[in-house]
Amino acid sequence: MTSEMFGDRATVEATIDREALADRAMRLLEPWSPPGHETEVARLVAEELRAAGVEDVELDETYPGSPSVIAWLRGSEPGPTMQWHAHLDAIATEHPPAHREGDRLIARGASDMKAAIAANIESVRLLRAAGLPRRGSLLITYHGLHEEGGSAPLMDLIERGIVGDAVIIGELGSGARLVTSSRGLDFWAIEVTRTGDSIHEVNATPEVVDPLRVGAQILGRLTAVRDGLAAGTVQPRGSMFIGKFVAGDYYNRVPTSCSIAGTRRHFTDGSHALVHQELEALVESVRQEAGAPIALRITTMTDAYEIDPDARIARAVRAAHHVMTGEPMTPVMSGAAGNAADFVVRAGIPAVYYGCDYASAHSDYEWTTVDDLVRIAAVYAIATALFLEDAEIEAPPLV
């Protein structure tokens, strides 16, 4: 079957209407869809899926203002379920209006990641044209509230068992990069405070806590952890990033507070619990030495995960990518956090990313290309056909 319609790049590309695909992408990019305001784009996606031949499409309204899209393409024979997944929202940061410049589509959400959803809908059209799926099913799910950090609607879908046997996510992985792992992520924030108002430096008695000075002590210890992680001498392995240090409002006043914030990432041999213990011990040591009120807040974001680059879903994507580019893929660890960890850790299914070039994601000028969308549409269709077949998948070697 795949050799007939999906066996070579030219045959696949000949079945894709580039302009129709670009127009669909622009329709999805035009609505402003920050977290909690995804209703319009969710409805558009549902309409586009139905137009592409998906009869079973549902808007799940569990989260008002942020509906999830759930759609099924079922084959006539029993078999595994392939899942495609994406998030509907984009960051709530100003951006020029959606527009097109030649082959380039410019809009908030172009690379991250509404344009990939447009490519998914083209993938559906390709599968339907080939009479697929015959064996097994395709489950398509899209959720909102991703960019606020929690992805609560996705957690709900997973808890309800609305998952496949493997999933491709239209984000992060692009080109020849096969994302097979990611570090766990925690956000941390430290606040040093003292009672009373700001005071002139000459009126500060020795017992007055200087939050800036205490903050500098904390900063020094955080920096030591960061450098130790880089040198491989600190456990659990990973990284420390310090992105915020704010104190004071005038050059000769003792401030009332100091705020420090950043991230801590860890590998699969670490855990959130170990990270929390590390940060709590660091803060407590300074609290005891300085005698200052120090509050620590840690927000657990994503788990660390790793999948086998020879897992069936990974081989299907590798083989499909080779058909469309002639190139092998390289297994890599993602530097950013995404929803693959949720599927691997919470749902217990393998997940890979395959999406647009991610270089402009969250930038002031976010874009993708029609060529990228054609590639994505074809790879999803080919990978799904291969995954659902009852046969071994031959994939080129990893590099």
Protein backbone atom coordinates (compact mmCIF):
# COMPACT_ATOMS: atom_id res chain seq x y z
CA MET A 1 0.00 0.00 0.00
CA THR A 2 2.60 2.56 1.04
CA SER A 3 4.68 1.77 -2.05
CA GLU A 4 1.74 2.70 -4.25
CA MET A 5 0.91 6.21 -3.02
CA PHE A 6 3.52 7.00 -0.41
CA GLY A 7 6.60 5.34 -1.86
CA ASP A 8 8.37 8.38 -3.24
CA ARG A 9 8.48 12.11 -2.66
CA ALA A 10 7.31 13.19 -6.10
CA THR A 11 4.18 11.03 -5.97
CA VAL A 12 3.23 12.32 -2.52
CA GLU A 13 3.89 15.96 -3.33
CA ALA A 14 1.80 15.66 -6.52
CA THR A 15 -1.23 14.86 -4.38
CA ILE A 16 -0.83 17.95 -2.17
CA ASP A 17 -2.39 21.26 -3.20
CA ARG A 18 0.20 23.67 -1.83
CA GLU A 19 -2.01 26.73 -2.13
CA ALA A 20 -4.98 25.06 -0.44
CA LEU A 21 -2.65 23.98 2.38
CA ALA A 22 -1.23 27.48 2.74
CA ASP A 23 -4.72 29.01 2.75
CA ARG A 24 -5.84 26.59 5.45
CA ALA A 25 -2.81 27.45 7.56
CA MET A 26 -3.56 31.16 7.26
CA ARG A 27 -7.17 30.60 8.33
CA LEU A 28 -5.94 28.94 11.52
CA LEU A 29 -3.26 31.56 12.11
CA GLU A 30 -5.51 34.60 11.80
CA PRO A 31 -7.42 34.15 15.11
CA TRP A 32 -5.58 35.39 18.19
CA SER A 33 -5.52 32.33 20.49
CA PRO A 34 -3.63 32.88 23.75
CA PRO A 35 -4.16 30.39 26.59
CA GLY A 36 -7.81 30.29 27.67
CA HIS A 37 -9.06 31.84 24.43
CA GLU A 38 -8.86 28.95 21.95
CA THR A 39 -12.56 28.51 21.16
CA GLU A 40 -12.49 30.17 17.73
CA VAL A 41 -9.48 28.24 16.47
CA ALA A 42 -10.80 24.98 17.96
CA ARG A 43 -14.03 25.39 16.03
CA LEU A 44 -12.14 26.17 12.84
CA VAL A 45 -9.99 23.08 13.28
CA ALA A 46 -13.06 20.92 13.84
CA GLU A 47 -14.65 22.30 10.65
CA GLU A 48 -11.47 21.70 8.65
CA LEU A 49 -11.21 18.11 9.91
CA ARG A 50 -14.79 17.39 8.90
CA ALA A 51 -14.15 18.91 5.47
CA ALA A 52 -11.11 16.64 5.08
CA GLY A 53 -13.25 13.55 5.67
CA VAL A 54 -13.25 12.98 9.43
CA GLU A 55 -16.81 12.20 10.51
CA ASP A 56 -16.18 11.64 14.23
CA VAL A 57 -15.11 15.07 15.52
CA GLU A 58 -15.92 16.37 19.00
CA LEU A 59 -15.31 19.66 20.78
CA ASP A 60 -14.73 18.77 24.42
CA GLU A 61 -15.87 21.75 26.52
CA THR A 62 -14.54 20.51 29.87
CA TYR A 63 -12.49 23.71 30.12
CA PRO A 64 -14.65 26.74 29.21
CA GLY A 65 -12.95 29.00 26.69
CA SER A 66 -10.39 26.29 25.98
CA PRO A 67 -12.09 23.36 24.27
CA SER A 68 -10.15 20.30 23.17
CA VAL A 69 -10.61 18.74 19.74
CA ILE A 70 -11.00 14.95 19.67
CA ALA A 71 -11.34 13.20 16.31
CA TRP A 72 -11.22 9.59 15.13
CA LEU A 73 -10.54 7.87 11.83
CA ARG A 74 -11.30 4.18 12.32
CA GLY A 75 -10.29 1.35 10.04
CA SER A 76 -12.41 -1.68 9.25
CA GLU A 77 -9.90 -4.12 10.77
CA PRO A 78 -8.68 -4.24 14.39
CA GLY A 79 -5.23 -2.91 15.04
CA PRO A 80 -3.21 -0.31 16.93
CA THR A 81 -4.12 3.34 17.36
CA MET A 82 -1.84 6.07 16.10
CA GLN A 83 -2.32 9.44 17.77
CA TRP A 84 -1.49 12.91 16.46
CA HIS A 85 -1.37 15.69 19.01
CA ALA A 86 -0.82 19.45 19.16
CA HIS A 87 -1.74 22.48 21.23
CA LEU A 88 -4.14 25.11 19.93
CA ASP A 89 -2.86 28.15 21.79
CA ALA A 90 0.05 30.50 21.15
CA ILE A 91 1.87 32.75 23.57
CA ALA A 92 0.02 35.93 24.60
CA THR A 93 2.68 38.28 23.25
CA GLU A 94 2.17 40.97 20.60
CA HIS A 95 2.97 40.06 17.02
CA PRO A 96 2.32 41.61 13.57
CA PRO A 97 -0.98 40.52 12.02
CA ALA A 98 -0.98 37.19 10.22
CA HIS A 99 0.23 37.62 6.65
CA ARG A 100 2.06 35.85 3.86
CA GLU A 101 5.25 36.84 2.11
CA GLY A 102 5.81 34.46 -0.80
CA ASP A 103 6.43 30.99 0.62
CA ARG A 104 6.67 32.31 4.18
CA LEU A 105 3.66 32.42 6.55
CA ILE A 106 4.11 34.96 9.35
CA ALA A 107 1.90 34.93 12.44
CA ARG A 108 1.88 34.22 16.13
CA GLY A 109 1.65 30.43 16.30
CA ALA A 110 3.16 29.83 12.86
CA SER A 111 6.00 27.62 14.06
CA ASP A 112 4.54 26.96 17.51
CA MET A 113 2.28 25.39 16.39
CA LYS A 114 -1.01 26.05 14.62
CA ALA A 115 0.50 25.73 11.15
CA ALA A 116 1.42 22.12 11.95
CA ILE A 117 -2.26 21.49 12.68
CA ALA A 118 -3.07 22.72 9.18
CA ALA A 119 -0.53 20.20 7.88
CA ASN A 120 -2.20 17.45 9.95
CA ILE A 121 -5.50 18.17 8.23
CA GLU A 122 -3.76 17.76 4.86
CA SER A 123 -2.37 14.45 6.17
CA VAL A 124 -5.94 13.32 6.82
CA ARG A 125 -6.83 14.16 3.24
CA LEU A 126 -3.87 12.09 2.01
CA LEU A 127 -4.90 9.10 4.11
CA ARG A 128 -8.52 9.30 2.99
CA ALA A 129 -7.44 9.50 -0.66
CA ALA A 130 -5.48 6.26 -0.13
CA GLY A 131 -8.45 4.56 1.57
CA LEU A 132 -6.72 4.54 4.93
CA PRO A 133 -6.76 3.55 7.64
CA ARG A 134 -7.85 0.01 6.86
CA ARG A 135 -6.25 -1.56 9.93
CA GLY A 136 -6.37 0.13 13.32
CA SER A 137 -7.33 3.73 14.00
CA LEU A 138 -6.08 7.29 13.97
CA LEU A 139 -6.85 9.45 17.01
CA ILE A 140 -6.34 13.20 16.66
CA THR A 141 -6.29 15.37 19.79
CA TYR A 142 -5.60 19.09 20.22
CA HIS A 143 -5.68 20.97 23.52
CA GLY A 144 -5.31 24.51 24.89
CA LEU A 145 -3.83 26.12 27.99
CA HIS A 146 -0.43 24.79 26.98
CA GLU A 147 1.53 28.03 26.93
CA GLU A 148 0.50 28.93 30.48
CA GLY A 149 2.52 25.92 31.59
CA GLY A 150 -0.04 23.48 32.91
CA SER A 151 -1.69 21.83 29.87
CA ALA A 152 -4.61 20.93 32.15
CA PRO A 153 -6.91 19.84 29.28
CA LEU A 154 -4.28 17.36 28.10
CA MET A 155 -3.87 15.97 31.61
CA ASP A 156 -7.64 15.46 31.63
CA LEU A 157 -7.58 13.61 28.29
CA ILE A 158 -4.81 11.33 29.52
CA GLU A 159 -6.61 10.61 32.80
CA ARG A 160 -9.72 9.69 30.80
CA GLY A 161 -7.70 7.29 28.64
CA ILE A 162 -8.13 9.25 25.42
CA VAL A 163 -4.71 8.23 24.09
CA GLY A 164 -3.35 5.98 21.37
CA ASP A 165 -0.61 3.34 21.36
CA ALA A 166 1.96 5.92 20.20
CA VAL A 167 1.85 9.62 19.43
CA ILE A 168 3.46 12.16 17.12
CA ILE A 169 3.43 15.76 18.37
CA GLY A 170 3.74 18.62 15.89
CA GLU A 171 6.28 20.63 17.89
CA LEU A 172 10.01 20.90 18.70
CA GLY A 173 11.33 18.18 16.41
CA SER A 174 11.94 19.41 12.88
CA GLY A 175 14.05 18.43 9.93
CA ALA A 176 16.48 15.61 10.68
CA ARG A 177 16.28 15.95 14.49
CA LEU A 178 14.49 13.02 16.13
CA VAL A 179 13.72 14.08 19.70
CA THR A 180 13.86 10.98 21.89
CA SER A 181 14.41 12.53 25.31
CA SER A 182 13.97 15.65 27.38
CA ARG A 183 15.00 16.81 30.82
CA GLY A 184 12.60 17.32 33.70
CA LEU A 185 11.86 20.96 34.48
CA ASP A 186 11.11 22.88 37.67
CA PHE A 187 10.60 26.64 37.98
CA TRP A 188 11.82 28.14 41.24
CA ALA A 189 11.40 31.57 42.83
CA ILE A 190 13.07 32.86 46.01
CA GLU A 191 11.92 35.93 47.91
CA VAL A 192 13.99 37.56 50.67
CA THR A 193 12.04 40.08 52.77
CA ARG A 194 12.31 42.20 55.88
CA THR A 195 9.75 44.08 57.94
CA GLY A 196 9.38 47.86 57.78
CA ASP A 197 9.71 50.42 55.03
CA SER A 198 12.72 51.29 52.91
CA ILE A 199 15.22 53.35 54.86
CA HIS A 200 18.19 55.57 54.09
CA GLU A 201 21.47 53.71 54.26
CA VAL A 202 22.78 55.89 57.13
CA ASN A 203 19.73 55.03 59.25
CA ALA A 204 20.20 51.29 58.94
CA THR A 205 21.33 49.74 62.23
CA PRO A 206 23.45 46.55 62.23
CA GLU A 207 20.49 44.32 63.00
CA VAL A 208 18.54 45.49 59.92
CA VAL A 209 18.41 42.71 57.35
CA ASP A 210 19.58 43.81 53.91
CA PRO A 211 17.61 41.65 51.45
CA LEU A 212 19.99 42.56 48.64
CA ARG A 213 22.97 41.28 50.58
CA VAL A 214 21.14 38.07 51.54
CA GLY A 215 20.04 37.69 47.95
CA ALA A 216 23.67 37.94 46.87
CA GLN A 217 24.52 35.07 49.23
CA ILE A 218 21.79 32.96 47.67
CA LEU A 219 22.92 33.96 44.19
CA GLY A 220 26.45 32.82 44.98
CA ARG A 221 25.27 29.39 46.07
CA LEU A 222 22.97 29.02 43.09
CA THR A 223 25.87 29.95 40.83
CA ALA A 224 28.02 27.30 42.52
CA VAL A 225 25.35 24.69 41.80
CA ARG A 226 25.11 25.88 38.19
CA ASP A 227 28.87 25.64 37.70
CA GLY A 228 29.06 22.28 39.46
CA LEU A 229 26.37 20.89 37.17
CA ALA A 230 28.29 22.13 34.13
CA ALA A 231 31.45 20.45 35.47
CA GLY A 232 29.65 17.21 36.27
CA THR A 233 30.33 17.39 40.01
CA VAL A 234 26.76 18.03 41.24
CA GLN A 235 23.84 15.59 41.39
CA PRO A 236 21.20 15.16 40.14
CA ARG A 237 22.63 15.86 36.69
CA GLY A 238 21.10 18.67 34.65
CA SER A 239 21.30 22.44 34.65
CA MET A 240 20.60 25.49 36.78
CA PHE A 241 19.54 28.76 35.16
CA ILE A 242 19.21 32.06 37.02
CA GLY A 243 17.07 34.44 35.04
CA LYS A 244 15.96 37.05 37.55
CA PHE A 245 17.57 39.08 40.34
CA VAL A 246 15.64 42.16 41.44
CA ALA A 247 16.17 44.30 44.55
CA GLY A 248 15.92 47.93 45.57
CA ASP A 249 14.42 51.05 44.08
CA TYR A 250 17.00 53.77 44.86
CA TYR A 251 20.76 54.02 45.16
CA ASN A 252 20.94 54.91 48.87
CA ARG A 253 17.94 53.07 50.35
CA VAL A 254 17.99 49.66 51.99
CA PRO A 255 15.38 47.63 50.08
CA THR A 256 12.59 45.65 51.67
CA SER A 257 12.83 42.63 49.38
CA CYS A 258 14.93 40.76 46.85
CA SER A 259 13.52 38.38 44.23
CA ILE A 260 15.50 35.67 42.46
CA ALA A 261 14.04 33.19 39.96
CA GLY A 262 15.09 30.63 37.41
CA THR A 263 14.87 27.00 36.31
CA ARG A 264 16.35 23.66 37.33
CA ARG A 265 16.39 20.80 34.84
CA HIS A 266 17.28 17.16 35.47
CA PHE A 267 17.84 13.96 33.53
CA THR A 268 15.99 10.64 33.86
CA ASP A 269 18.38 9.50 36.61
CA GLY A 270 17.19 12.43 38.75
CA SER A 271 13.75 13.44 40.00
CA HIS A 272 11.66 16.41 41.01
CA ALA A 273 11.96 15.29 44.63
CA LEU A 274 15.77 15.45 44.53
CA VAL A 275 15.66 18.89 42.91
CA HIS A 276 13.26 20.14 45.56
CA GLN A 277 15.49 18.79 48.34
CA GLU A 278 18.52 20.51 46.82
CA LEU A 279 16.84 23.91 46.60
CA GLU A 280 15.22 23.65 50.02
CA ALA A 281 18.57 22.80 51.65
CA LEU A 282 20.28 25.70 49.87
CA VAL A 283 17.69 28.21 51.01
CA GLU A 284 17.58 26.86 54.57
CA SER A 285 21.36 27.18 54.95
CA VAL A 286 21.23 30.88 54.02
CA ARG A 287 18.13 31.41 56.15
CA GLN A 288 19.97 30.09 59.20
CA GLU A 289 23.14 32.08 58.54
CA ALA A 290 21.47 35.39 57.70
CA GLY A 291 18.50 35.17 60.04
CA ALA A 292 16.34 36.52 57.26
CA PRO A 293 12.82 35.54 56.16
CA ILE A 294 13.27 33.66 52.88
CA ALA A 295 10.40 32.08 50.94
CA LEU A 296 10.98 29.39 48.30
CA ARG A 297 8.38 28.48 45.70
CA ILE A 298 8.95 25.57 43.31
CA THR A 299 6.63 24.79 40.40
CA THR A 300 7.00 21.36 38.83
CA MET A 301 6.55 21.67 35.08
CA THR A 302 7.52 18.53 33.15
CA ASP A 303 9.05 15.13 33.81
CA ALA A 304 12.25 13.79 32.32
CA TYR A 305 11.73 11.04 29.76
CA GLU A 306 13.52 8.94 27.16
CA ILE A 307 12.29 6.57 24.45
CA ASP A 308 14.11 4.04 22.28
CA PRO A 309 14.97 5.60 18.88
CA ASP A 310 14.16 2.16 17.43
CA ALA A 311 10.63 2.12 18.89
CA ARG A 312 8.05 1.43 16.19
CA ILE A 313 6.75 5.01 16.18
CA ALA A 314 10.29 6.37 15.87
CA ARG A 315 11.08 3.99 13.01
CA ALA A 316 7.89 5.02 11.23
CA VAL A 317 8.82 8.70 11.44
CA ARG A 318 12.41 8.00 10.40
CA ALA A 319 11.26 6.03 7.36
CA ALA A 320 8.70 8.68 6.37
CA HIS A 321 11.22 11.48 6.79
CA HIS A 322 13.64 9.59 4.53
CA VAL A 323 10.99 9.24 1.82
CA MET A 324 10.43 13.01 1.82
CA THR A 325 14.00 14.24 2.27
CA GLY A 326 16.37 11.38 1.45
CA GLU A 327 18.02 12.05 4.79
CA PRO A 328 18.47 9.93 7.93
CA MET A 329 17.61 11.32 11.35
CA THR A 330 19.71 11.99 14.43
CA PRO A 331 18.38 11.20 17.92
CA VAL A 332 18.62 14.29 20.13
CA MET A 333 17.52 15.56 23.51
CA SER A 334 15.13 18.49 23.39
CA GLY A 335 16.33 21.63 25.09
CA ALA A 336 12.75 22.82 25.54
CA ALA A 337 9.94 21.21 27.50
CA GLY A 338 6.90 19.89 25.65
CA ASN A 339 4.05 17.43 25.96
CA ALA A 340 5.94 14.29 24.94
CA ALA A 341 6.92 13.84 28.59
CA ASP A 342 3.24 13.79 29.58
CA PHE A 343 2.50 10.97 27.15
CA VAL A 344 5.58 8.93 28.04
CA VAL A 345 5.45 9.36 31.82
CA ARG A 346 1.73 9.79 32.51
CA ALA A 347 0.11 7.80 29.69
CA GLY A 348 2.89 5.23 29.28
CA ILE A 349 3.09 5.46 25.50
CA PRO A 350 6.07 6.38 23.27
CA ALA A 351 6.03 9.88 21.81
CA VAL A 352 8.07 11.68 19.18
CA TYR A 353 7.99 15.23 17.88
CA TYR A 354 7.78 16.20 14.21
CA GLY A 355 6.91 19.76 13.29
CA CYS A 356 7.91 23.05 11.74
CA ASP A 357 11.32 24.64 11.98
CA TYR A 358 11.28 25.77 15.61
CA ALA A 359 13.88 28.54 15.31
CA SER A 360 11.34 31.39 15.36
CA ALA A 361 9.06 30.00 18.08
CA HIS A 362 8.11 32.62 20.72
CA SER A 363 10.04 35.27 18.80
CA ASP A 364 8.84 38.73 17.74
CA TYR A 365 8.60 37.48 14.15
CA GLU A 366 7.27 33.92 14.13
CA TRP A 367 7.08 32.17 10.77
CA THR A 368 7.00 28.91 8.85
CA THR A 369 7.09 27.97 5.16
CA VAL A 370 4.76 26.17 2.80
CA ASP A 371 7.59 23.73 2.05
CA ASP A 372 7.71 22.86 5.75
CA LEU A 373 3.96 22.22 5.82
CA VAL A 374 4.13 19.97 2.75
CA ARG A 375 6.92 17.97 4.40
CA ILE A 376 5.01 17.65 7.67
CA ALA A 377 1.75 16.65 5.98
CA ALA A 378 3.47 13.93 3.98
CA VAL A 379 5.52 12.56 6.87
CA TYR A 380 2.48 12.22 9.16
CA ALA A 381 0.53 10.37 6.47
CA ILE A 382 3.39 8.03 5.55
CA ALA A 383 4.40 7.37 9.16
CA THR A 384 0.79 6.58 10.10
CA ALA A 385 0.36 4.20 7.17
CA LEU A 386 3.56 2.39 8.14
CA PHE A 387 2.73 2.28 11.85
CA LEU A 388 -0.73 0.80 11.30
CA GLU A 389 0.41 -1.87 8.85
CA ASP A 390 1.08 -5.37 10.19
CA ALA A 391 4.67 -5.43 8.98
CA GLU A 392 8.18 -4.58 10.09
CA ILE A 393 9.21 -1.00 9.37
CA GLU A 394 12.49 -0.57 7.54
CA ALA A 395 14.09 2.71 8.56
CA PRO A 396 17.48 4.14 7.56
CA PRO A 397 20.21 3.94 10.19
CA LEU A 398 20.48 6.72 12.73
CA VAL A 399 23.34 9.19 12.44
